[in-house]
Protein backbone atom coordinates (compact mmCIF):
# COMPACT_ATOMS: atom_id res chain seq x y z
CA MET A 1 0.00 0.00 0.00
CA MET A 2 2.87 2.36 0.86
CA THR A 3 4.50 1.61 -2.51
CA ILE A 4 1.29 2.49 -4.34
CA ARG A 5 1.10 5.85 -2.53
CA ARG A 6 4.72 6.64 -3.37
CA SER A 7 4.16 5.70 -7.01
CA LEU A 8 1.05 7.87 -7.11
CA ALA A 9 2.95 10.77 -5.54
CA VAL A 10 5.75 10.44 -8.11
CA MET A 11 3.22 10.35 -10.98
CA VAL A 12 1.41 13.44 -9.68
CA ALA A 13 4.70 15.30 -9.26
CA ALA A 14 5.71 14.37 -12.83
CA LEU A 15 2.37 15.56 -14.22
CA ILE A 16 2.68 18.88 -12.39
CA ALA A 17 6.29 19.40 -13.46
CA GLY A 18 5.70 18.19 -17.04
CA PRO A 19 4.31 21.46 -18.43
CA ALA A 20 7.22 23.38 -16.96
CA TYR A 21 9.65 21.31 -19.00
CA SER A 22 7.75 21.92 -22.25
CA GLN A 23 7.80 25.71 -21.95
CA SER A 24 10.31 27.63 -24.01
CA LYS A 25 13.23 29.48 -22.53
CA PRO A 26 12.48 32.96 -21.22
CA LEU A 27 13.38 35.76 -23.59
CA ALA A 28 16.40 37.95 -22.93
CA PRO A 29 15.58 41.57 -22.09
CA PRO A 30 14.48 43.55 -25.17
CA ALA A 31 16.93 45.85 -26.93
CA SER A 32 14.59 48.73 -26.09
CA ASP A 33 11.96 49.33 -23.41
CA ALA A 34 9.71 51.17 -25.86
CA MET A 35 6.61 49.32 -27.07
CA PRO A 36 5.55 51.30 -30.10
CA PRO A 37 2.03 50.62 -31.39
CA VAL A 38 1.84 49.69 -35.06
CA GLU A 39 -1.38 49.22 -37.05
CA LEU A 40 -1.86 46.44 -39.58
CA THR A 41 -5.05 46.56 -41.65
CA VAL A 42 -6.61 43.65 -43.49
CA THR A 43 -9.03 44.01 -46.40
CA LEU A 44 -10.33 41.84 -49.22
CA GLU A 45 -10.00 43.06 -52.81
CA ASN A 46 -11.67 40.91 -55.46
CA GLY A 47 -11.96 38.18 -52.85
CA LYS A 48 -8.21 38.19 -52.10
CA PRO A 49 -6.65 39.43 -48.85
CA VAL A 50 -4.55 42.58 -48.78
CA CYS A 51 -2.58 43.64 -45.73
CA ALA A 52 -1.26 47.14 -45.21
CA PRO A 53 1.36 48.28 -44.96
CA ALA A 54 2.86 46.02 -47.62
CA GLU A 55 6.24 46.71 -46.05
CA LEU A 56 5.80 46.28 -42.32
CA ARG A 57 8.74 47.98 -40.54
CA LEU A 58 9.39 47.15 -36.90
CA SER A 59 12.35 47.49 -34.55
CA ALA A 60 14.26 44.24 -34.16
CA ASP A 61 14.52 42.47 -30.81
CA THR A 62 11.92 44.83 -29.32
CA ASN A 63 8.53 44.38 -27.71
CA VAL A 64 5.90 45.78 -30.07
CA GLU A 65 2.15 46.17 -29.94
CA LEU A 66 0.53 45.27 -33.23
CA HIS A 67 -3.03 46.60 -33.61
CA ILE A 68 -4.79 44.49 -36.22
CA VAL A 69 -7.99 45.76 -37.84
CA SER A 70 -9.81 43.69 -40.45
CA THR A 71 -12.66 44.80 -42.67
CA ALA A 72 -12.54 41.50 -44.54
CA ASN A 73 -15.78 39.53 -44.57
CA ALA A 74 -13.83 36.31 -44.08
CA PRO A 75 -11.22 35.13 -41.58
CA VAL A 76 -7.66 35.96 -42.64
CA THR A 77 -4.48 34.36 -41.30
CA ILE A 78 -1.38 36.51 -40.86
CA THR A 79 1.93 34.65 -40.99
CA ALA A 80 5.66 35.43 -40.75
CA ASP A 81 8.28 32.70 -40.42
CA GLY A 82 9.37 32.39 -36.78
CA GLN A 83 7.66 35.55 -35.56
CA PHE A 84 4.50 34.03 -34.08
CA GLU A 85 6.04 31.18 -32.10
CA ASN A 86 4.81 30.96 -28.51
CA ALA A 87 8.18 32.14 -27.17
CA LYS A 88 7.86 35.43 -29.05
CA VAL A 89 4.18 36.14 -28.32
CA LEU A 90 3.75 38.14 -25.12
CA HIS A 91 -0.03 38.62 -25.25
CA ALA A 92 -2.93 38.45 -27.69
CA ASP A 93 -6.50 39.62 -27.27
CA GLY A 94 -9.54 40.54 -29.27
CA ASP A 95 -10.58 38.65 -32.38
CA LEU A 96 -7.26 36.81 -32.84
CA VAL A 97 -6.74 33.05 -32.75
CA HIS A 98 -3.25 31.49 -32.68
CA VAL A 99 -2.99 28.84 -35.38
CA MET A 100 -1.94 25.37 -34.26
CA SER A 101 1.31 25.44 -36.23
CA GLU A 102 2.42 28.58 -34.32
CA LYS A 103 3.14 30.19 -37.68
CA GLY A 104 0.47 32.87 -37.46
CA TYR A 105 -2.73 34.34 -36.15
CA THR A 106 -6.17 34.20 -37.68
CA VAL A 107 -8.17 37.42 -37.52
CA LYS A 108 -11.88 36.77 -37.39
CA GLN A 109 -14.22 38.23 -40.00
CA ASN A 110 -14.34 42.06 -39.47
CA GLY A 111 -12.21 41.51 -36.37
CA LYS A 112 -9.92 43.67 -34.28
CA GLY A 113 -7.21 42.66 -31.89
CA VAL A 114 -3.94 43.54 -30.23
CA LEU A 115 -0.90 41.33 -30.46
CA ARG A 116 2.07 42.09 -28.23
CA LEU A 117 5.20 40.31 -29.32
CA ARG A 118 8.98 40.32 -29.24
CA THR A 119 10.33 40.85 -32.69
CA MET A 120 13.07 38.69 -34.12
CA LYS A 121 16.61 39.84 -34.84
CA ALA A 122 17.30 42.46 -37.53
CA GLY A 123 16.68 41.38 -41.10
CA GLU A 124 13.97 40.95 -43.71
CA THR A 125 11.48 38.18 -44.26
CA ALA A 126 8.17 37.74 -46.04
CA TYR A 127 4.91 38.04 -44.19
CA GLY A 128 1.63 36.85 -45.57
CA CYS A 129 -2.12 37.23 -45.28
CA THR A 130 -4.24 34.32 -46.43
CA SER A 131 -8.01 34.16 -46.65
CA THR A 132 -9.73 30.94 -45.77
CA ARG A 133 -11.72 31.41 -48.98
CA ASN A 134 -8.68 31.90 -51.24
CA ALA A 135 -5.86 29.94 -49.63
CA ASP A 136 -4.15 29.60 -53.01
CA ALA A 137 -3.90 33.40 -53.49
CA PRO A 138 -2.12 34.83 -50.44
CA PHE A 139 -0.94 38.40 -50.09
CA VAL A 140 2.82 38.51 -49.58
CA GLY A 141 4.42 41.55 -47.98
CA LYS A 142 7.81 42.28 -46.49
CA LEU A 143 8.58 42.32 -42.75
CA VAL A 144 11.60 44.58 -42.21
CA LEU A 145 13.17 44.39 -38.77
CA THR A 146 15.57 47.27 -38.26
CA PRO A 147 18.14 47.60 -35.46
CA PRO A 148 16.50 49.47 -32.55
CA ALA A 149 17.43 53.09 -31.97
CA GLY A 150 20.06 53.35 -29.25
């Protein structure tokens, strides 16, 4: 009976500790304490998603607040390689849903939301907006991450 209790205690401890092991490493402090708000708008033109600005410029390695406003009458998923992983997302609210692959966020039809995230290191990468109705015709823009101002 004592062995069963010990085994049960070990299993409970492992279950409690398990999620802690699966979490990502904490982020290093940001390069800047500023959290500038940036607006990203989503529309549909001829049934295809369009995100603006087409060239999204953000400070690299900085916490930013992305205000997303959609007037699209369909859900649209915003993606950028590596940027929307759980480790880089600080907070999301409103009409935003994190996609299972961690590669983006879906904005609900005519939705609004705020996404606070830590940007990646300086460089350029593509970002995309894809409508659930026209998955084969995504909008592709450029995410430019510039070194933060000293």
